[in-house]
PDB file of N, CA and C in Angstrom:
ATOM      1  N   MET A   1      37.400  28.105  12.005  1.00  0.00           N
ATOM      2  CA  MET A   1      37.431  26.803  11.373  1.00  0.00           C
ATOM      3  C   MET A   1      37.962  26.939   9.953  1.00  0.00           C
ATOM      4  N   SER A   2      38.780  26.012   9.545  1.00  0.00           N
ATOM      5  CA  SER A   2      39.310  26.067   8.191  1.00  0.00           C
ATOM      6  C   SER A   2      38.241  25.620   7.191  1.00  0.00           C
ATOM      7  N   GLY A   3      38.473  25.958   5.931  1.00  0.00           N
ATOM      8  CA  GLY A   3      37.509  25.613   4.889  1.00  0.00           C
ATOM      9  C   GLY A   3      37.315  24.115   4.751  1.00  0.00           C
ATOM     10  N   GLY A   4      38.421  23.352   4.898  1.00  0.00           N
ATOM     11  CA  GLY A   4      38.316  21.898   4.794  1.00  0.00           C
ATOM     12  C   GLY A   4      37.496  21.286   5.924  1.00  0.00           C
ATOM     13  N   ALA A   5      37.671  21.823   7.112  1.00  0.00           N
ATOM     14  CA  ALA A   5      36.910  21.313   8.255  1.00  0.00           C
ATOM     15  C   ALA A   5      35.428  21.637   8.107  1.00  0.00           C
ATOM     16  N   VAL A   6      35.122  22.834   7.626  1.00  0.00           N
ATOM     17  CA  VAL A   6      33.725  23.209   7.400  1.00  0.00           C
ATOM     18  C   VAL A   6      33.122  22.312   6.326  1.00  0.00           C
ATOM     19  N   PHE A   7      33.874  22.099   5.244  1.00  0.00           N
ATOM     20  CA  PHE A   7      33.383  21.242   4.164  1.00  0.00           C
ATOM     21  C   PHE A   7      33.071  19.842   4.673  1.00  0.00           C
ATOM     22  N   ARG A   8      34.002  19.235   5.403  1.00  0.00           N
ATOM     23  CA  ARG A   8      33.790  17.867   5.904  1.00  0.00           C
ATOM     24  C   ARG A   8      32.621  17.794   6.875  1.00  0.00           C
ATOM     25  N   ALA A   9      32.520  18.763   7.784  1.00  0.00           N
ATOM     26  CA  ALA A   9      31.444  18.738   8.780  1.00  0.00           C
ATOM     27  C   ALA A   9      30.074  18.876   8.117  1.00  0.00           C
ATOM     28  N   VAL A  10      29.950  19.826   7.199  1.00  0.00           N
ATOM     29  CA  VAL A  10      28.653  20.043   6.545  1.00  0.00           C
ATOM     30  C   VAL A  10      28.338  18.892   5.608  1.00  0.00           C
ATOM     31  N   TRP A  11      29.359  18.351   4.912  1.00  0.00           N
ATOM     32  CA  TRP A  11      29.121  17.223   4.012  1.00  0.00           C
ATOM     33  C   TRP A  11      28.624  16.008   4.798  1.00  0.00           C
ATOM     34  N   LEU A  12      29.251  15.724   5.932  1.00  0.00           N
ATOM     35  CA  LEU A  12      28.803  14.595   6.756  1.00  0.00           C
ATOM     36  C   LEU A  12      27.406  14.822   7.318  1.00  0.00           C
ATOM     37  N   LEU A  13      27.101  16.049   7.696  1.00  0.00           N
ATOM     38  CA  LEU A  13      25.770  16.359   8.212  1.00  0.00           C
ATOM     39  C   LEU A  13      24.709  16.180   7.124  1.00  0.00           C
ATOM     40  N   ALA A  14      24.962  16.708   5.938  1.00  0.00           N
ATOM     41  CA  ALA A  14      23.998  16.581   4.839  1.00  0.00           C
ATOM     42  C   ALA A  14      23.848  15.132   4.406  1.00  0.00           C
ATOM     43  N   LEU A  15      24.947  14.420   4.326  1.00  0.00           N
ATOM     44  CA  LEU A  15      24.894  13.010   3.937  1.00  0.00           C
ATOM     45  C   LEU A  15      24.168  12.182   4.995  1.00  0.00           C
ATOM     46  N   SER A  16      24.411  12.467   6.259  1.00  0.00           N
ATOM     47  CA  SER A  16      23.722  11.748   7.344  1.00  0.00           C
ATOM     48  C   SER A  16      22.223  11.975   7.282  1.00  0.00           C
ATOM     49  N   TYR A  17      21.833  13.224   7.044  1.00  0.00           N
ATOM     50  CA  TYR A  17      20.406  13.512   6.946  1.00  0.00           C
ATOM     51  C   TYR A  17      19.781  12.777   5.766  1.00  0.00           C
ATOM     52  N   ALA A  18      20.448  12.809   4.614  1.00  0.00           N
ATOM     53  CA  ALA A  18      19.896  12.159   3.427  1.00  0.00           C
ATOM     54  C   ALA A  18      19.778  10.650   3.632  1.00  0.00           C
ATOM     55  N   LEU A  19      20.777  10.050   4.246  1.00  0.00           N
ATOM     56  CA  LEU A  19      20.718   8.610   4.494  1.00  0.00           C
ATOM     57  C   LEU A  19      19.671   8.263   5.541  1.00  0.00           C
ATOM     58  N   LEU A  20      19.507   9.106   6.553  1.00  0.00           N
ATOM     59  CA  LEU A  20      18.455   8.898   7.541  1.00  0.00           C
ATOM     60  C   LEU A  20      17.083   8.945   6.879  1.00  0.00           C
ATOM     61  N   GLU A  21      16.904   9.904   5.981  1.00  0.00           N
ATOM     62  CA  GLU A  21      15.631  10.001   5.279  1.00  0.00           C
ATOM     63  C   GLU A  21      15.372   8.755   4.433  1.00  0.00           C
ATOM     64  N   LEU A  22      16.391   8.245   3.753  1.00  0.00           N
ATOM     65  CA  LEU A  22      16.221   7.036   2.948  1.00  0.00           C
ATOM     66  C   LEU A  22      15.837   5.832   3.807  1.00  0.00           C
ATOM     67  N   VAL A  23      16.482   5.697   4.961  1.00  0.00           N
ATOM     68  CA  VAL A  23      16.164   4.581   5.857  1.00  0.00           C
ATOM     69  C   VAL A  23      14.739   4.710   6.385  1.00  0.00           C
ATOM     70  N   LEU A  24      14.356   5.910   6.802  1.00  0.00           N
ATOM     71  CA  LEU A  24      13.006   6.108   7.331  1.00  0.00           C
ATOM     72  C   LEU A  24      11.938   5.894   6.260  1.00  0.00           C
ATOM     73  N   ARG A  25      12.243   6.232   5.017  1.00  0.00           N
ATOM     74  CA  ARG A  25      11.286   5.978   3.928  1.00  0.00           C
ATOM     75  C   ARG A  25      11.061   4.488   3.718  1.00  0.00           C
ATOM     76  N   GLN A  26      12.086   3.685   3.980  1.00  0.00           N
ATOM     77  CA  GLN A  26      11.939   2.239   3.847  1.00  0.00           C
ATOM     78  C   GLN A  26      11.150   1.645   5.012  1.00  0.00           C
ATOM     79  N   LEU A  27      11.234   2.274   6.185  1.00  0.00           N
ATOM     80  CA  LEU A  27      10.572   1.739   7.371  1.00  0.00           C
ATOM     81  C   LEU A  27       9.121   2.167   7.503  1.00  0.00           C
ATOM     82  N   PHE A  28       8.809   3.392   7.072  1.00  0.00           N
ATOM     83  CA  PHE A  28       7.466   3.934   7.261  1.00  0.00           C
ATOM     84  C   PHE A  28       6.852   4.293   5.916  1.00  0.00           C
ATOM     85  N   GLU A  29       5.529   4.199   5.847  1.00  0.00           N
ATOM     86  CA  GLU A  29       4.847   4.541   4.601  1.00  0.00           C
ATOM     87  C   GLU A  29       4.831   6.045   4.362  1.00  0.00           C
ATOM     88  N   ARG A  30       4.575   6.807   5.409  1.00  0.00           N
ATOM     89  CA  ARG A  30       4.477   8.260   5.260  1.00  0.00           C
ATOM     90  C   ARG A  30       5.365   8.931   6.291  1.00  0.00           C
ATOM     91  N   LEU A  31       6.207   9.844   5.811  1.00  0.00           N
ATOM     92  CA  LEU A  31       7.078  10.603   6.703  1.00  0.00           C
ATOM     93  C   LEU A  31       6.441  11.940   7.036  1.00  0.00           C
ATOM     94  N   PRO A  32       6.818  12.526   8.163  1.00  0.00           N
ATOM     95  CA  PRO A  32       6.315  13.866   8.476  1.00  0.00           C
ATOM     96  C   PRO A  32       6.748  14.869   7.409  1.00  0.00           C
ATOM     97  N   ASP A  33       5.977  15.928   7.270  1.00  0.00           N
ATOM     98  CA  ASP A  33       6.250  16.930   6.244  1.00  0.00           C
ATOM     99  C   ASP A  33       7.590  17.620   6.436  1.00  0.00           C
ATOM    100  N   ALA A  34       8.115  17.633   7.639  1.00  0.00           N
ATOM    101  CA  ALA A  34       9.409  18.274   7.896  1.00  0.00           C
ATOM    102  C   ALA A  34      10.519  17.623   7.076  1.00  0.00           C
ATOM    103  N   PHE A  35      10.421  16.327   6.813  1.00  0.00           N
ATOM    104  CA  PHE A  35      11.435  15.650   6.013  1.00  0.00           C
ATOM    105  C   PHE A  35      11.396  16.120   4.563  1.00  0.00           C
ATOM    106  N   HIS A  36      10.206  16.393   4.052  1.00  0.00           N
ATOM    107  CA  HIS A  36      10.097  16.862   2.672  1.00  0.00           C
ATOM    108  C   HIS A  36      10.652  18.273   2.541  1.00  0.00           C
ATOM    109  N   ALA A  37      10.376  19.121   3.496  1.00  0.00           N
ATOM    110  CA  ALA A  37      10.861  20.503   3.447  1.00  0.00           C
ATOM    111  C   ALA A  37      12.383  20.540   3.559  1.00  0.00           C
ATOM    112  N   ALA A  38      12.956  19.703   4.388  1.00  0.00           N
ATOM    113  CA  ALA A  38      14.407  19.700   4.556  1.00  0.00           C
ATOM    114  C   ALA A  38      15.107  19.210   3.291  1.00  0.00           C
ATOM    115  N   GLY A  39      14.516  18.308   2.563  1.00  0.00           N
ATOM    116  CA  GLY A  39      15.083  17.863   1.288  1.00  0.00           C
ATOM    117  C   GLY A  39      15.128  18.988   0.278  1.00  0.00           C
ATOM    118  N   VAL A  40      14.093  19.795   0.259  1.00  0.00           N
ATOM    119  CA  VAL A  40      14.069  20.949  -0.634  1.00  0.00           C
ATOM    120  C   VAL A  40      15.136  21.954  -0.221  1.00  0.00           C
ATOM    121  N   VAL A  41      15.316  22.141   1.076  1.00  0.00           N
ATOM    122  CA  VAL A  41      16.345  23.051   1.567  1.00  0.00           C
ATOM    123  C   VAL A  41      17.730  22.561   1.149  1.00  0.00           C
ATOM    124  N   LEU A  42      17.969  21.259   1.187  1.00  0.00           N
ATOM    125  CA  LEU A  42      19.252  20.714   0.748  1.00  0.00           C
ATOM    126  C   LEU A  42      19.505  21.020  -0.725  1.00  0.00           C
ATOM    127  N   VAL A  43      18.502  20.850  -1.549  1.00  0.00           N
ATOM    128  CA  VAL A  43      18.677  21.108  -2.981  1.00  0.00           C
ATOM    129  C   VAL A  43      18.917  22.589  -3.238  1.00  0.00           C
ATOM    130  N   VAL A  44      18.172  23.449  -2.550  1.00  0.00           N
ATOM    131  CA  VAL A  44      18.361  24.890  -2.727  1.00  0.00           C
ATOM    132  C   VAL A  44      19.726  25.322  -2.200  1.00  0.00           C
ATOM    133  N   ALA A  45      20.158  24.743  -1.082  1.00  0.00           N
ATOM    134  CA  ALA A  45      21.449  25.106  -0.501  1.00  0.00           C
ATOM    135  C   ALA A  45      22.615  24.634  -1.362  1.00  0.00           C
ATOM    136  N   SER A  46      22.390  23.669  -2.215  1.00  0.00           N
ATOM    137  CA  SER A  46      23.469  23.181  -3.070  1.00  0.00           C
ATOM    138  C   SER A  46      23.450  23.825  -4.453  1.00  0.00           C
ATOM    139  N   THR A  47      22.541  24.767  -4.682  1.00  0.00           N
ATOM    140  CA  THR A  47      22.495  25.458  -5.966  1.00  0.00           C
ATOM    141  C   THR A  47      23.764  26.274  -6.112  1.00  0.00           C
ATOM    142  N   PRO A  48      24.424  26.339  -7.195  1.00  0.00           N
ATOM    143  CA  PRO A  48      24.165  25.878  -8.551  1.00  0.00           C
ATOM    144  C   PRO A  48      24.633  24.451  -8.820  1.00  0.00           C
ATOM    145  N   TRP A  49      25.233  23.813  -7.825  1.00  0.00           N
ATOM    146  CA  TRP A  49      25.777  22.468  -8.039  1.00  0.00           C
ATOM    147  C   TRP A  49      24.670  21.444  -8.240  1.00  0.00           C
ATOM    148  N   SER A  50      23.502  21.670  -7.640  1.00  0.00           N
ATOM    149  CA  SER A  50      22.398  20.729  -7.829  1.00  0.00           C
ATOM    150  C   SER A  50      21.892  20.763  -9.266  1.00  0.00           C
ATOM    151  N   LEU A  51      22.125  21.859  -9.961  1.00  0.00           N
ATOM    152  CA  LEU A  51      21.739  21.912 -11.374  1.00  0.00           C
ATOM    153  C   LEU A  51      22.572  20.936 -12.193  1.00  0.00           C
ATOM    154  N   LEU A  52      23.821  20.713 -11.788  1.00  0.00           N
ATOM    155  CA  LEU A  52      24.640  19.694 -12.444  1.00  0.00           C
ATOM    156  C   LEU A  52      24.063  18.303 -12.211  1.00  0.00           C
ATOM    157  N   ALA A  53      23.491  18.106 -11.046  1.00  0.00           N
ATOM    158  CA  ALA A  53      22.936  16.800 -10.706  1.00  0.00           C
ATOM    159  C   ALA A  53      21.699  16.477 -11.532  1.00  0.00           C
ATOM    160  N   LEU A  54      21.022  17.483 -12.036  1.00  0.00           N
ATOM    161  CA  LEU A  54      19.838  17.224 -12.853  1.00  0.00           C
ATOM    162  C   LEU A  54      20.180  16.469 -14.125  1.00  0.00           C
ATOM    163  N   GLU A  55      21.413  16.600 -14.602  1.00  0.00           N
ATOM    164  CA  GLU A  55      21.841  15.851 -15.777  1.00  0.00           C
ATOM    165  C   GLU A  55      21.878  14.350 -15.489  1.00  0.00           C
ATOM    166  N   LEU A  56      22.096  13.992 -14.237  1.00  0.00           N
ATOM    167  CA  LEU A  56      22.119  12.575 -13.867  1.00  0.00           C
ATOM    168  C   LEU A  56      20.733  11.986 -13.723  1.00  0.00           C
ATOM    169  N   PHE A  57      19.741  12.832 -13.576  1.00  0.00           N
ATOM    170  CA  PHE A  57      18.400  12.342 -13.278  1.00  0.00           C
ATOM    171  C   PHE A  57      17.669  11.986 -14.574  1.00  0.00           C
ATOM    172  N   ARG A  58      18.007  10.825 -15.077  1.00  0.00           N
ATOM    173  CA  ARG A  58      17.390  10.286 -16.285  1.00  0.00           C
ATOM    174  C   ARG A  58      16.855   8.902 -15.953  1.00  0.00           C
ATOM    175  N   PRO A  59      15.897   8.430 -16.746  1.00  0.00           N
ATOM    176  CA  PRO A  59      15.388   7.076 -16.484  1.00  0.00           C
ATOM    177  C   PRO A  59      16.513   6.041 -16.573  1.00  0.00           C
ATOM    178  N   ALA A  60      16.496   5.122 -15.638  1.00  0.00           N
ATOM    179  CA  ALA A  60      17.512   4.063 -15.604  1.00  0.00           C
ATOM    180  C   ALA A  60      16.862   2.751 -16.004  1.00  0.00           C
ATOM    181  N   GLY A  61      17.576   1.985 -16.809  1.00  0.00           N
ATOM    182  CA  GLY A  61      17.032   0.714 -17.277  1.00  0.00           C
ATOM    183  C   GLY A  61      17.128  -0.388 -16.246  1.00  0.00           C
ATOM    184  N   ALA A  62      18.302  -0.596 -15.721  1.00  0.00           N
ATOM    185  CA  ALA A  62      18.534  -1.683 -14.775  1.00  0.00           C
ATOM    186  C   ALA A  62      18.564  -1.130 -13.344  1.00  0.00           C
ATOM    187  N   PRO A  63      18.281  -1.989 -12.369  1.00  0.00           N
ATOM    188  CA  PRO A  63      18.322  -1.531 -10.972  1.00  0.00           C
ATOM    189  C   PRO A  63      19.691  -1.000 -10.552  1.00  0.00           C
ATOM    190  N   TRP A  64      20.777  -1.602 -11.023  1.00  0.00           N
ATOM    191  CA  TRP A  64      22.104  -1.125 -10.648  1.00  0.00           C
ATOM    192  C   TRP A  64      22.365   0.261 -11.222  1.00  0.00           C
ATOM    193  N   GLN A  65      21.783   0.562 -12.381  1.00  0.00           N
ATOM    194  CA  GLN A  65      21.926   1.898 -12.956  1.00  0.00           C
ATOM    195  C   GLN A  65      21.189   2.933 -12.112  1.00  0.00           C
ATOM    196  N   GLN A  66      20.046   2.540 -11.583  1.00  0.00           N
ATOM    197  CA  GLN A  66      19.293   3.449 -10.718  1.00  0.00           C
ATOM    198  C   GLN A  66      20.056   3.709  -9.419  1.00  0.00           C
ATOM    199  N   VAL A  67      20.686   2.683  -8.872  1.00  0.00           N
ATOM    200  CA  VAL A  67      21.477   2.850  -7.653  1.00  0.00           C
ATOM    201  C   VAL A  67      22.644   3.802  -7.907  1.00  0.00           C
ATOM    202  N   LEU A  68      23.354   3.619  -9.018  1.00  0.00           N
ATOM    203  CA  LEU A  68      24.466   4.503  -9.351  1.00  0.00           C
ATOM    204  C   LEU A  68      24.000   5.934  -9.592  1.00  0.00           C
ATOM    205  N   ARG A  69      22.857   6.090 -10.260  1.00  0.00           N
ATOM    206  CA  ARG A  69      22.313   7.422 -10.513  1.00  0.00           C
ATOM    207  C   ARG A  69      21.952   8.108  -9.203  1.00  0.00           C
ATOM    208  N   ASP A  70      21.257   7.406  -8.322  1.00  0.00           N
ATOM    209  CA  ASP A  70      20.854   7.988  -7.037  1.00  0.00           C
ATOM    210  C   ASP A  70      22.062   8.309  -6.167  1.00  0.00           C
ATOM    211  N   PHE A  71      23.081   7.442  -6.205  1.00  0.00           N
ATOM    212  CA  PHE A  71      24.309   7.683  -5.436  1.00  0.00           C
ATOM    213  C   PHE A  71      25.012   8.938  -5.944  1.00  0.00           C
ATOM    214  N   GLY A  72      25.130   9.077  -7.253  1.00  0.00           N
ATOM    215  CA  GLY A  72      25.754  10.261  -7.830  1.00  0.00           C
ATOM    216  C   GLY A  72      24.992  11.522  -7.497  1.00  0.00           C
ATOM    217  N   LEU A  73      23.680  11.445  -7.581  1.00  0.00           N
ATOM    218  CA  LEU A  73      22.826  12.585  -7.250  1.00  0.00           C
ATOM    219  C   LEU A  73      23.004  12.994  -5.793  1.00  0.00           C
ATOM    220  N   LEU A  74      23.023  12.031  -4.906  1.00  0.00           N
ATOM    221  CA  LEU A  74      23.196  12.301  -3.485  1.00  0.00           C
ATOM    222  C   LEU A  74      24.565  12.910  -3.189  1.00  0.00           C
ATOM    223  N   MET A  75      25.601  12.376  -3.813  1.00  0.00           N
ATOM    224  CA  MET A  75      26.952  12.898  -3.589  1.00  0.00           C
ATOM    225  C   MET A  75      27.087  14.335  -4.102  1.00  0.00           C
ATOM    226  N   ILE A  76      26.531  14.623  -5.256  1.00  0.00           N
ATOM    227  CA  ILE A  76      26.639  15.971  -5.818  1.00  0.00           C
ATOM    228  C   ILE A  76      25.882  16.971  -4.957  1.00  0.00           C
ATOM    229  N   ILE A  77      24.700  16.615  -4.517  1.00  0.00           N
ATOM    230  CA  ILE A  77      23.908  17.544  -3.705  1.00  0.00           C
ATOM    231  C   ILE A  77      24.573  17.777  -2.347  1.00  0.00           C
ATOM    232  N   CYS A  78      25.023  16.721  -1.681  1.00  0.00           N
ATOM    233  CA  CYS A  78      25.675  16.890  -0.372  1.00  0.00           C
ATOM    234  C   CYS A  78      26.999  17.640  -0.504  1.00  0.00           C
ATOM    235  N   ALA A  79      27.775  17.341  -1.543  1.00  0.00           N
ATOM    236  CA  ALA A  79      29.027  18.065  -1.760  1.00  0.00           C
ATOM    237  C   ALA A  79      28.759  19.521  -2.124  1.00  0.00           C
ATOM    238  N   GLY A  80      27.679  19.785  -2.848  1.00  0.00           N
ATOM    239  CA  GLY A  80      27.322  21.158  -3.190  1.00  0.00           C
ATOM    240  C   GLY A  80      26.965  21.977  -1.959  1.00  0.00           C
ATOM    241  N   VAL A  81      26.214  21.385  -1.051  1.00  0.00           N
ATOM    242  CA  VAL A  81      25.876  22.071   0.202  1.00  0.00           C
ATOM    243  C   VAL A  81      27.156  22.369   0.981  1.00  0.00           C
ATOM    244  N   ALA A  82      28.034  21.379   1.070  1.00  0.00           N
ATOM    245  CA  ALA A  82      29.278  21.551   1.824  1.00  0.00           C
ATOM    246  C   ALA A  82      30.190  22.584   1.157  1.00  0.00           C
ATOM    247  N   PHE A  83      30.279  22.567  -0.167  1.00  0.00           N
ATOM    248  CA  PHE A  83      31.122  23.526  -0.874  1.00  0.00           C
ATOM    249  C   PHE A  83      30.594  24.949  -0.688  1.00  0.00           C
ATOM    250  N   ASN A  84      29.278  25.118  -0.762  1.00  0.00           N
ATOM    251  CA  ASN A  84      28.692  26.440  -0.538  1.00  0.00           C
ATOM    252  C   ASN A  84      28.931  26.920   0.889  1.00  0.00           C
ATOM    253  N   ALA A  85      28.878  26.007   1.860  1.00  0.00           N
ATOM    254  CA  ALA A  85      29.146  26.386   3.249  1.00  0.00           C
ATOM    255  C   ALA A  85      30.608  26.794   3.425  1.00  0.00           C
ATOM    256  N   ALA A  86      31.526  26.077   2.770  1.00  0.00           N
ATOM    257  CA  ALA A  86      32.939  26.439   2.852  1.00  0.00           C
ATOM    258  C   ALA A  86      33.195  27.781   2.174  1.00  0.00           C
ATOM    259  N   LEU A  87      32.532  28.035   1.042  1.00  0.00           N
ATOM    260  CA  LEU A  87      32.659  29.334   0.381  1.00  0.00           C
ATOM    261  C   LEU A  87      32.128  30.456   1.266  1.00  0.00           C
ATOM    262  N   LEU A  88      30.983  30.229   1.882  1.00  0.00           N
ATOM    263  CA  LEU A  88      30.406  31.227   2.777  1.00  0.00           C
ATOM    264  C   LEU A  88      31.339  31.488   3.957  1.00  0.00           C
ATOM    265  N   ASN A  89      31.937  30.451   4.501  1.00  0.00           N
ATOM    266  CA  ASN A  89      32.889  30.594   5.600  1.00  0.00           C
ATOM    267  C   ASN A  89      34.082  31.437   5.165  1.00  0.00           C
ATOM    268  N   ALA A  90      34.610  31.185   3.974  1.00  0.00           N
ATOM    269  CA  ALA A  90      35.763  31.945   3.479  1.00  0.00           C
ATOM    270  C   ALA A  90      35.408  33.410   3.240  1.00  0.00           C
ATOM    271  N   VAL A  91      34.228  33.655   2.680  1.00  0.00           N
ATOM    272  CA  VAL A  91      33.809  35.032   2.419  1.00  0.00           C
ATOM    273  C   VAL A  91      33.602  35.783   3.729  1.00  0.00           C
ATOM    274  N   LEU A  92      32.975  35.148   4.694  1.00  0.00           N
ATOM    275  CA  LEU A  92      32.773  35.797   5.990  1.00  0.00           C
ATOM    276  C   LEU A  92      34.095  36.066   6.700  1.00  0.00           C
ATOM    277  N   ALA A  93      35.043  35.144   6.605  1.00  0.00           N
ATOM    278  CA  ALA A  93      36.361  35.362   7.212  1.00  0.00           C
ATOM    279  C   ALA A  93      37.074  36.524   6.522  1.00  0.00           C
ATOM    280  N   TRP A  94      36.927  36.638   5.218  1.00  0.00           N
ATOM    281  CA  TRP A  94      37.542  37.736   4.473  1.00  0.00           C
ATOM    282  C   TRP A  94      36.924  39.077   4.879  1.00  0.00           C
ATOM    283  N   ILE A  95      35.594  39.103   4.997  1.00  0.00           N
ATOM    284  CA  ILE A  95      34.902  40.339   5.390  1.00  0.00           C
ATOM    285  C   ILE A  95      35.300  40.746   6.813  1.00  0.00           C
ATOM    286  N   ILE A  96      35.357  39.786   7.713  1.00  0.00           N
ATOM    287  CA  ILE A  96      35.755  40.088   9.091  1.00  0.00           C
ATOM    288  C   ILE A  96      37.188  40.595   9.130  1.00  0.00           C
ATOM    289  N   GLY A  97      38.072  40.014   8.302  1.00  0.00           N
ATOM    290  CA  GLY A  97      39.443  40.491   8.221  1.00  0.00           C
ATOM    291  C   GLY A  97      39.517  41.927   7.722  1.00  0.00           C
ATOM    292  N   LEU A  98      38.681  42.262   6.733  1.00  0.00           N
ATOM    293  CA  LEU A  98      38.642  43.641   6.240  1.00  0.00           C
ATOM    294  C   LEU A  98      38.143  44.604   7.312  1.00  0.00           C
ATOM    295  N   LEU A  99      37.140  44.190   8.048  1.00  0.00           N
ATOM    296  CA  LEU A  99      36.580  45.049   9.096  1.00  0.00           C
ATOM    297  C   LEU A  99      37.574  45.256  10.231  1.00  0.00           C
ATOM    298  N   ARG A 100      38.370  44.266  10.536  1.00  0.00           N
ATOM    299  CA  ARG A 100      39.365  44.404  11.610  1.00  0.00           C
ATOM    300  C   ARG A 100      40.487  45.357  11.201  1.00  0.00           C
ATOM    301  N   ARG A 101      40.827  45.354   9.925  1.00  0.00           N
ATOM    302  CA  ARG A 101      41.889  46.253   9.440  1.00  0.00           C
ATOM    303  C   ARG A 101      41.431  47.712   9.368  1.00  0.00           C
ATOM    304  N   ALA A 102      40.126  47.897   9.202  1.00  0.00           N
ATOM    305  CA  ALA A 102      39.617  49.266   9.045  1.00  0.00           C
ATOM    306  C   ALA A 102      39.493  50.007  10.353  1.00  0.00           C
TER     307      ALA A 102
END
């Protein structure tokens, strides 16, 4: 798989999960603990890019500012997960190429 295809697939998967969690939080008062653990995994998987997102996490005055802040945070975290997956794919392809030549 090419790096772009890996990036798009993982980005859509992470974004789908995050949006599913947001919808379920609106429908139910309490979500199963698995949803909380997976959110933490998303943030850890997007490190160091999620550290950039922490700059966006400031108190918002108006509701539209909060929506923009949350949207930016979600995009950075999902893109960070996808970028790390594409990097991992490229590194593994490089290592496999080296092993085949040896």
